[in-house]
Amino acid sequence: MGMIRCRSRGAGLALREKRADRPLRIIHAASFGFKPVKAFLHNTAIKISNGMVRGGHHVVNFSVRDVVRWAGWFGSRAHGSGRARKILLNYCVAMRPDVLVLGHADLIDSETIARIREALPDLKVLQWNVDWLASLDEAVPGDNTARSNWSKILAKDSCVDATFATTGGPALKILAGRLSGITAYLPNATDPSIETARSFEHDDLPVSVFFASSSSDRRRFHAGAWRDMGEMIADLRVAVPQARVAAYGFDGLPPVYGPGLQDALASARIGLNISRRNDMFLYSSDRLAQMVGNGLVGCVDRATGFGTIFGDDEMVFYANEEELFSQIDRLSRDDAARRAIGGRGWRRYQDLFGCDVVARYMLDVVFEEHDPADYSWPTLADRHPSQAKPPA
């Protein structure tokens, strides 16, 4: 089955030329993972770059952490960070990009970006972030992720035109109130050259339910409560004994990465999309894109709000574990229904969140040319750069 190119509400974009319609020179500074350990095949940075290339742009990938490691003595981050910043500065001045994209480029400081902008006054700069945006009083007990994530995003406020985050709703509005530039929601993109499986086309897959975690912390907030995922998987096996569950990172199965992760996804029918937090509007780890992009039926907590974008005939939504287990039991007995839901979810996800669509949207936003009516999700937080920045 070929790649879907249509845009559900974006056909009008072709009627008027925008800046993003003309070829752009883009430098994308992010973590592209050149270390063979873990081999992040499904890297969000790669998908964004691929989407921009498919939009007709010239994209150079600058792998920040790798350059830092190569530039430092014996791979030292402390010694390599300063040299990596200088390399990026000199490269930007030489290449004269139209856009600088920063993805979790925490080792590139705001001073370096300011110097790049001084040399290139017409440059547009955007940053994207895929970690969750829980407010500090809602963060995971004992986990510094939320605090660290906020500080990293805010650190570049003075030098970026737009910030994209994979959490929507109230949390994104709070972030927007702290930022002076455009603040926008970022969907987790899928790329049909990476998520190549079509699980809905097969009735002989060996795994009923896929779940994966690489974290040593087994806690997840889903179905309205904190839950140990090892215990949840055990309860699932009791409730749905006919289901063959592959839980990577549990039961002695090691976490999977790269081609191994893709093989595991391609062998499964249903995927559990249970992020660390499942009560923040439109937040999910990128596992959702990996699962639904490969044609698995994605099981998603209703509290995420993804039911406002996808229908019950495109994903499985649940409010409690009893409902989740019941749906898995039904689909493990009715493979035709599983394949139908998987196929509809895959088509809808490609249509809305294909990497070319997401990349085009990011460029439209940073050039202030995007129309919210062209998209089926809430795009911008209620804030625009022309508004005065609120007091700290």
Protein backbone atom coordinates (compact mmCIF):
# COMPACT_ATOMS: atom_id res chain seq x y z
CA MET A 1 0.00 0.00 0.00
CA GLY A 2 1.47 3.34 -1.04
CA MET A 3 2.23 6.36 1.05
CA ILE A 4 -0.69 8.66 1.77
CA ARG A 5 -0.02 12.22 0.67
CA CYS A 6 -3.38 13.88 1.23
CA ARG A 7 -4.06 16.45 3.93
CA SER A 8 -7.50 16.26 5.48
CA ARG A 9 -7.98 20.05 5.72
CA GLY A 10 -4.93 21.44 4.00
CA ALA A 11 -5.84 21.32 0.33
CA GLY A 12 -6.18 25.09 0.28
CA LEU A 13 -2.49 25.48 1.09
CA ALA A 14 -1.58 24.80 -2.53
CA LEU A 15 -3.66 27.78 -3.70
CA ARG A 16 -1.27 30.41 -2.34
CA GLU A 17 2.49 30.38 -2.25
CA LYS A 18 4.09 30.64 1.15
CA ARG A 19 7.68 30.97 2.25
CA ALA A 20 7.70 27.25 3.06
CA ASP A 21 6.70 26.51 -0.55
CA ARG A 22 10.02 27.82 -1.82
CA PRO A 23 13.22 25.86 -1.22
CA LEU A 24 14.81 26.72 2.12
CA ARG A 25 18.29 26.07 3.43
CA ILE A 26 17.90 24.53 6.89
CA ILE A 27 20.37 23.44 9.55
CA HIS A 28 18.86 21.01 12.03
CA ALA A 29 20.85 20.81 15.27
CA ALA A 30 19.59 17.88 17.30
CA SER A 31 20.61 14.44 18.53
CA PHE A 32 20.73 12.15 15.51
CA GLY A 33 22.26 9.29 17.46
CA PHE A 34 25.33 8.25 15.49
CA LYS A 35 26.48 6.01 18.35
CA PRO A 36 25.65 2.41 17.40
CA VAL A 37 24.48 1.65 20.94
CA LYS A 38 20.65 1.69 20.95
CA ALA A 39 20.59 2.86 17.27
CA PHE A 40 17.54 5.13 17.39
CA LEU A 41 15.95 4.25 14.07
CA HIS A 42 12.68 5.99 15.02
CA ASN A 43 14.36 9.25 16.03
CA THR A 44 12.01 12.25 15.92
CA ALA A 45 14.84 14.46 14.65
CA ILE A 46 15.31 12.24 11.60
CA LYS A 47 11.59 12.28 10.86
CA ILE A 48 11.42 16.08 11.00
CA SER A 49 14.43 16.39 8.70
CA ASN A 50 12.98 13.80 6.31
CA GLY A 51 9.70 15.70 6.21
CA MET A 52 11.48 18.95 5.39
CA VAL A 53 13.50 17.30 2.63
CA ARG A 54 10.30 15.90 1.14
CA GLY A 55 8.96 19.45 1.18
CA GLY A 56 11.74 20.41 -1.22
CA HIS A 57 14.20 21.91 1.27
CA HIS A 58 17.94 21.45 1.71
CA VAL A 59 18.49 20.12 5.23
CA VAL A 60 21.85 19.59 6.95
CA ASN A 61 21.73 17.46 10.11
CA PHE A 62 24.10 18.68 12.82
CA SER A 63 24.24 15.94 15.47
CA VAL A 64 24.97 18.00 18.56
CA ARG A 65 25.94 15.34 21.08
CA ASP A 66 28.08 13.48 18.58
CA VAL A 67 29.94 16.64 17.58
CA VAL A 68 30.48 17.45 21.26
CA ARG A 69 31.87 13.98 21.87
CA TRP A 70 34.14 14.10 18.81
CA ALA A 71 35.36 17.60 19.65
CA GLY A 72 36.30 16.81 23.25
CA TRP A 73 39.34 15.05 24.64
CA PHE A 74 38.52 11.34 25.07
CA GLY A 75 34.86 12.09 24.33
CA SER A 76 34.55 14.54 27.22
CA ARG A 77 31.37 16.63 27.09
CA ALA A 78 32.96 19.31 29.28
CA HIS A 79 35.83 19.80 26.84
CA GLY A 80 33.79 19.34 23.67
CA SER A 81 30.80 21.63 24.29
CA GLY A 82 32.64 24.89 23.66
CA ARG A 83 34.24 23.61 20.47
CA ALA A 84 30.91 22.22 19.21
CA ARG A 85 29.27 25.61 19.72
CA LYS A 86 32.02 27.29 17.75
CA ILE A 87 31.73 24.69 14.98
CA LEU A 88 27.97 25.32 14.71
CA LEU A 89 28.48 29.09 14.71
CA ASN A 90 31.08 28.98 11.97
CA TYR A 91 29.10 26.48 9.93
CA CYS A 92 25.94 28.61 10.06
CA VAL A 93 27.85 31.74 9.05
CA ALA A 94 29.38 29.84 6.14
CA MET A 95 26.14 28.10 5.03
CA ARG A 96 23.78 31.07 5.61
CA PRO A 97 20.67 29.00 6.38
CA ASP A 98 17.16 30.40 6.23
CA VAL A 99 16.10 28.38 9.27
CA LEU A 100 17.93 26.95 12.27
CA VAL A 101 16.03 24.10 13.91
CA LEU A 102 16.99 23.11 17.46
CA GLY A 103 15.82 19.78 18.84
CA HIS A 104 16.81 19.13 22.46
CA ALA A 105 20.05 20.95 21.62
CA ASP A 106 20.74 21.65 25.28
CA LEU A 107 24.51 21.76 24.77
CA ILE A 108 24.14 24.74 22.41
CA ASP A 109 23.69 27.80 24.62
CA SER A 110 21.63 30.91 23.93
CA GLU A 111 24.77 33.03 23.56
CA THR A 112 25.88 30.94 20.58
CA ILE A 113 22.46 31.24 18.94
CA ALA A 114 22.46 35.00 19.56
CA ARG A 115 25.81 35.28 17.80
CA ILE A 116 24.48 33.27 14.87
CA ARG A 117 21.47 35.56 14.65
CA GLU A 118 23.65 38.64 14.80
CA ALA A 119 25.57 37.34 11.78
CA LEU A 120 22.38 36.29 9.97
CA PRO A 121 19.67 38.86 10.77
CA ASP A 122 17.04 37.25 8.52
CA LEU A 123 17.44 33.83 10.14
CA LYS A 124 14.39 32.10 11.63
CA VAL A 125 15.05 29.89 14.67
CA LEU A 126 12.71 27.30 16.14
CA GLN A 127 13.09 24.75 18.90
CA TRP A 128 11.15 21.54 19.45
CA ASN A 129 10.78 19.35 22.51
CA VAL A 130 9.17 15.94 22.91
CA ASP A 131 9.28 15.50 26.70
CA TRP A 132 6.12 16.03 28.74
CA LEU A 133 5.23 19.40 30.22
CA ALA A 134 3.70 18.55 33.56
CA SER A 135 3.71 21.53 35.89
CA LEU A 136 6.10 21.05 38.78
CA ASP A 137 3.37 20.30 41.30
CA GLU A 138 2.07 17.56 38.98
CA ALA A 139 5.41 15.94 38.17
CA VAL A 140 6.27 12.32 38.85
CA PRO A 141 7.32 11.91 42.51
CA GLY A 142 11.08 11.70 42.69
CA ASP A 143 11.53 12.42 38.97
CA ASN A 144 13.19 15.67 37.87
CA THR A 145 12.11 15.36 34.23
CA ALA A 146 9.46 18.09 34.34
CA ARG A 147 11.67 20.64 36.10
CA SER A 148 14.59 19.90 33.77
CA ASN A 149 12.40 20.08 30.68
CA TRP A 150 10.93 23.47 31.57
CA SER A 151 14.35 24.95 32.31
CA LYS A 152 15.83 23.73 29.02
CA ILE A 153 12.98 25.19 26.98
CA LEU A 154 12.99 28.53 28.79
CA ALA A 155 16.77 28.85 28.49
CA LYS A 156 16.44 29.60 24.76
CA ASP A 157 13.48 31.97 25.00
CA SER A 158 15.51 35.05 24.11
CA CYS A 159 16.82 33.63 20.85
CA VAL A 160 14.06 31.54 19.22
CA ASP A 161 11.08 32.63 17.16
CA ALA A 162 8.93 29.58 17.91
CA THR A 163 8.79 26.73 20.39
CA PHE A 164 7.04 23.41 19.67
CA ALA A 165 6.13 20.91 22.39
CA THR A 166 4.31 17.57 22.35
CA THR A 167 1.96 18.59 25.18
CA GLY A 168 -1.14 20.64 24.44
CA GLY A 169 -3.92 22.24 26.43
CA PRO A 170 -3.40 24.03 29.75
CA ALA A 171 0.27 23.04 30.09
CA LEU A 172 1.09 24.53 26.68
CA LYS A 173 -0.74 27.75 27.59
CA ILE A 174 1.26 28.02 30.81
CA LEU A 175 4.46 27.58 28.80
CA ALA A 176 3.29 30.21 26.32
CA GLY A 177 2.86 32.64 29.16
CA ARG A 178 6.55 32.23 29.98
CA LEU A 179 7.80 32.56 26.42
CA SER A 180 8.04 35.68 24.24
CA GLY A 181 7.80 33.91 20.88
CA ILE A 182 5.23 31.65 19.24
CA THR A 183 4.30 28.55 21.25
CA ALA A 184 2.79 25.65 19.33
CA TYR A 185 1.75 22.05 19.73
CA LEU A 186 3.93 19.42 18.04
CA PRO A 187 2.37 16.10 17.01
CA ASN A 188 4.54 12.99 17.13
CA ALA A 189 5.26 12.41 13.46
CA THR A 190 5.27 9.12 11.59
CA ASP A 191 7.50 8.39 8.61
CA PRO A 192 6.51 5.60 6.19
CA SER A 193 10.18 5.06 5.32
CA ILE A 194 10.82 4.23 9.01
CA GLU A 195 7.51 2.76 10.21
CA THR A 196 7.33 0.37 7.27
CA ALA A 197 5.07 -2.39 8.62
CA ARG A 198 1.36 -2.67 7.87
CA SER A 199 0.16 -4.90 10.68
CA PHE A 200 -3.47 -4.48 9.64
CA GLU A 201 -2.69 -6.29 6.38
CA HIS A 202 -1.70 -9.53 8.17
CA ASP A 203 -3.66 -12.16 10.07
CA ASP A 204 -0.70 -14.35 11.06
CA LEU A 205 1.23 -12.08 13.42
CA PRO A 206 2.75 -13.92 16.41
CA VAL A 207 2.22 -11.22 19.08
CA SER A 208 -1.20 -10.08 20.26
CA VAL A 209 -0.13 -7.12 22.42
CA PHE A 210 3.06 -5.04 22.28
CA PHE A 211 4.36 -2.96 25.17
CA ALA A 212 7.83 -1.52 25.67
CA SER A 213 9.71 0.50 28.23
CA SER A 214 13.37 1.39 28.60
CA SER A 215 12.97 3.08 32.00
CA SER A 216 13.96 1.51 35.30
CA ASP A 217 10.98 3.34 36.84
CA ARG A 218 7.96 1.09 36.24
CA ARG A 219 5.37 3.64 37.39
CA ARG A 220 2.86 5.07 34.94
CA PHE A 221 -0.13 7.30 35.57
CA HIS A 222 -2.94 5.85 33.49
CA ALA A 223 -6.63 5.10 33.97
CA GLY A 224 -6.67 7.73 36.70
CA ALA A 225 -4.06 6.24 39.04
CA TRP A 226 -0.38 5.42 39.45
CA ARG A 227 0.30 1.87 38.36
CA ASP A 228 3.26 -0.49 38.33
CA MET A 229 3.41 -1.65 34.71
CA GLY A 230 4.81 -5.05 35.61
CA GLU A 231 1.75 -5.69 37.75
CA MET A 232 -0.57 -4.32 35.05
CA ILE A 233 0.92 -6.66 32.43
CA ALA A 234 0.48 -9.60 34.81
CA ASP A 235 -3.18 -8.64 35.34
CA LEU A 236 -3.68 -8.35 31.57
CA ARG A 237 -2.40 -11.87 31.06
CA VAL A 238 -4.86 -13.17 33.65
CA ALA A 239 -7.79 -11.19 32.23
CA VAL A 240 -7.05 -12.10 28.58
CA PRO A 241 -5.29 -15.48 28.73
CA GLN A 242 -5.49 -16.07 24.98
CA ALA A 243 -3.51 -12.90 24.24
CA ARG A 244 0.22 -13.32 23.58
CA VAL A 245 1.79 -10.31 25.28
CA ALA A 246 5.35 -9.16 24.50
CA ALA A 247 6.42 -6.66 27.18
CA TYR A 248 9.94 -5.44 26.42
CA GLY A 249 11.74 -4.25 29.50
CA PHE A 250 9.72 -6.70 31.61
CA ASP A 251 9.64 -10.45 32.27
CA GLY A 252 13.33 -10.76 31.45
CA LEU A 253 12.84 -9.32 27.95
CA PRO A 254 15.42 -6.56 27.41
CA PRO A 255 14.38 -3.17 25.99
CA VAL A 256 14.48 -3.00 22.22
CA TYR A 257 15.89 -0.27 19.98
CA GLY A 258 16.49 0.46 16.33
CA PRO A 259 15.82 -2.34 13.83
CA GLY A 260 15.04 -4.67 16.75
CA LEU A 261 12.24 -2.36 17.85
CA GLN A 262 10.91 -2.17 14.31
CA ASP A 263 10.92 -5.98 14.07
CA ALA A 264 9.03 -6.21 17.37
CA LEU A 265 6.43 -3.69 16.21
CA ALA A 266 6.01 -5.45 12.87
CA SER A 267 5.21 -8.73 14.63
CA ALA A 268 2.37 -7.32 16.77
CA ARG A 269 -1.33 -6.63 16.33
CA ILE A 270 -2.19 -4.28 19.22
CA GLY A 271 0.02 -1.71 20.98
CA LEU A 272 -0.29 -0.33 24.51
CA ASN A 273 0.46 3.38 24.38
CA ILE A 274 1.07 4.06 28.06
CA SER A 275 3.38 7.03 28.60
CA ARG A 276 4.76 8.15 31.95
CA ARG A 277 1.79 10.51 32.29
CA ASN A 278 -1.50 9.88 30.47
CA ASP A 279 -3.60 12.73 31.82
CA MET A 280 -2.11 15.67 29.91
CA PHE A 281 -3.96 16.94 26.86
CA LEU A 282 -2.58 15.52 23.59
CA TYR A 283 0.63 14.30 25.22
CA SER A 284 2.08 10.94 24.27
CA SER A 285 5.52 9.52 23.95
CA ASP A 286 6.58 8.93 20.36
CA ARG A 287 5.60 5.27 20.82
CA LEU A 288 2.14 6.23 19.58
CA ALA A 289 3.55 7.23 16.19
CA GLN A 290 5.66 4.09 16.08
CA MET A 291 2.75 1.78 16.83
CA VAL A 292 -0.04 3.37 14.79
CA GLY A 293 2.44 4.26 12.04
CA ASN A 294 3.16 0.54 11.71
CA GLY A 295 -0.53 -0.32 11.54
CA LEU A 296 -1.02 -1.66 15.07
CA VAL A 297 -4.21 -0.83 16.93
CA GLY A 298 -3.18 1.86 19.41
CA CYS A 299 -4.70 1.64 22.90
CA VAL A 300 -4.86 5.14 24.41
CA ASP A 301 -6.12 6.53 27.72
CA ARG A 302 -9.15 8.76 27.10
CA ALA A 303 -7.72 11.35 29.49
CA THR A 304 -5.08 12.23 26.87
CA GLY A 305 -7.73 13.86 24.70
CA PHE A 306 -6.66 12.05 21.54
CA GLY A 307 -10.30 11.04 21.21
CA THR A 308 -10.97 14.61 20.08
CA ILE A 309 -8.88 13.90 16.96
CA PHE A 310 -9.30 10.17 16.35
CA GLY A 311 -12.49 8.12 16.42
CA ASP A 312 -13.32 4.96 18.34
CA ASP A 313 -13.14 3.16 15.00
CA GLU A 314 -9.50 4.31 14.55
CA MET A 315 -8.00 3.64 17.99
CA VAL A 316 -9.01 1.92 21.21
CA PHE A 317 -9.77 4.44 23.95
CA TYR A 318 -10.28 3.44 27.56
CA ALA A 319 -11.12 5.13 30.85
CA ASN A 320 -10.13 2.25 33.14
CA GLU A 321 -8.24 -1.02 32.95
CA GLU A 322 -11.42 -3.08 32.88
CA GLU A 323 -12.41 -1.32 29.65
CA LEU A 324 -8.89 -1.71 28.24
CA PHE A 325 -8.75 -5.44 29.00
CA SER A 326 -12.25 -5.92 27.58
CA GLN A 327 -11.28 -4.23 24.29
CA ILE A 328 -8.10 -6.29 24.00
CA ASP A 329 -10.12 -9.44 24.68
CA ARG A 330 -12.60 -8.48 21.95
CA LEU A 331 -9.96 -7.70 19.33
CA SER A 332 -7.88 -10.77 20.16
CA ARG A 333 -10.97 -12.85 19.32
CA ASP A 334 -12.10 -10.81 16.31
CA ASP A 335 -9.11 -10.31 14.04
CA ALA A 336 -11.20 -8.78 11.26
CA ALA A 337 -12.25 -5.98 13.62
CA ARG A 338 -8.64 -5.54 14.75
CA ARG A 339 -7.44 -5.21 11.18
CA ALA A 340 -10.21 -2.73 10.31
CA ILE A 341 -9.40 -0.45 13.26
CA GLY A 342 -5.67 -0.74 12.62
CA GLY A 343 -6.09 0.21 8.96
CA ARG A 344 -8.32 3.21 9.67
CA GLY A 345 -6.02 4.44 12.44
CA TRP A 346 -2.96 4.08 10.19
CA ARG A 347 -4.58 6.05 7.36
CA ARG A 348 -5.79 8.80 9.64
CA TYR A 349 -2.43 9.11 11.40
CA GLN A 350 -0.58 9.31 8.07
CA ASP A 351 -3.02 11.94 6.87
CA LEU A 352 -2.70 14.15 9.95
CA PHE A 353 0.75 13.44 11.36
CA GLY A 354 2.88 12.25 8.45
CA CYS A 355 6.36 13.73 8.77
CA ASP A 356 5.96 15.86 5.64
CA VAL A 357 2.74 17.37 7.02
CA VAL A 358 4.29 18.05 10.44
CA ALA A 359 7.45 19.56 8.92
CA ARG A 360 5.41 21.82 6.63
CA TYR A 361 3.33 22.93 9.61
CA MET A 362 6.45 23.79 11.66
CA LEU A 363 7.84 25.97 8.88
CA ASP A 364 4.48 27.65 8.30
CA VAL A 365 4.29 28.50 12.00
CA VAL A 366 7.81 29.92 12.30
CA PHE A 367 7.19 32.13 9.24
CA GLU A 368 3.80 33.13 10.71
CA GLU A 369 1.96 31.86 7.64
CA HIS A 370 -0.04 28.99 9.09
CA ASP A 371 -3.84 28.85 9.19
CA PRO A 372 -5.25 26.93 12.19
CA ALA A 373 -8.23 25.91 10.05
CA ASP A 374 -5.90 23.77 7.94
CA TYR A 375 -5.27 21.38 10.84
CA SER A 376 -7.40 19.02 12.88
CA TRP A 377 -5.57 19.67 16.14
CA PRO A 378 -5.19 22.85 18.25
CA THR A 379 -2.01 24.34 16.82
CA LEU A 380 -0.99 27.48 18.72
CA ALA A 381 -1.29 28.27 22.39
CA ASP A 382 -3.33 31.41 23.02
CA ARG A 383 -0.40 33.69 22.50
CA HIS A 384 1.32 35.56 19.69
CA PRO A 385 4.75 37.22 19.61
CA SER A 386 3.18 40.64 19.11
CA GLN A 387 1.80 40.40 22.65
CA ALA A 388 3.84 41.83 25.48
CA LYS A 389 5.73 39.28 27.51
CA PRO A 390 4.16 38.88 30.98
CA PRO A 391 6.14 39.59 34.11
CA ALA A 392 8.36 36.71 35.30
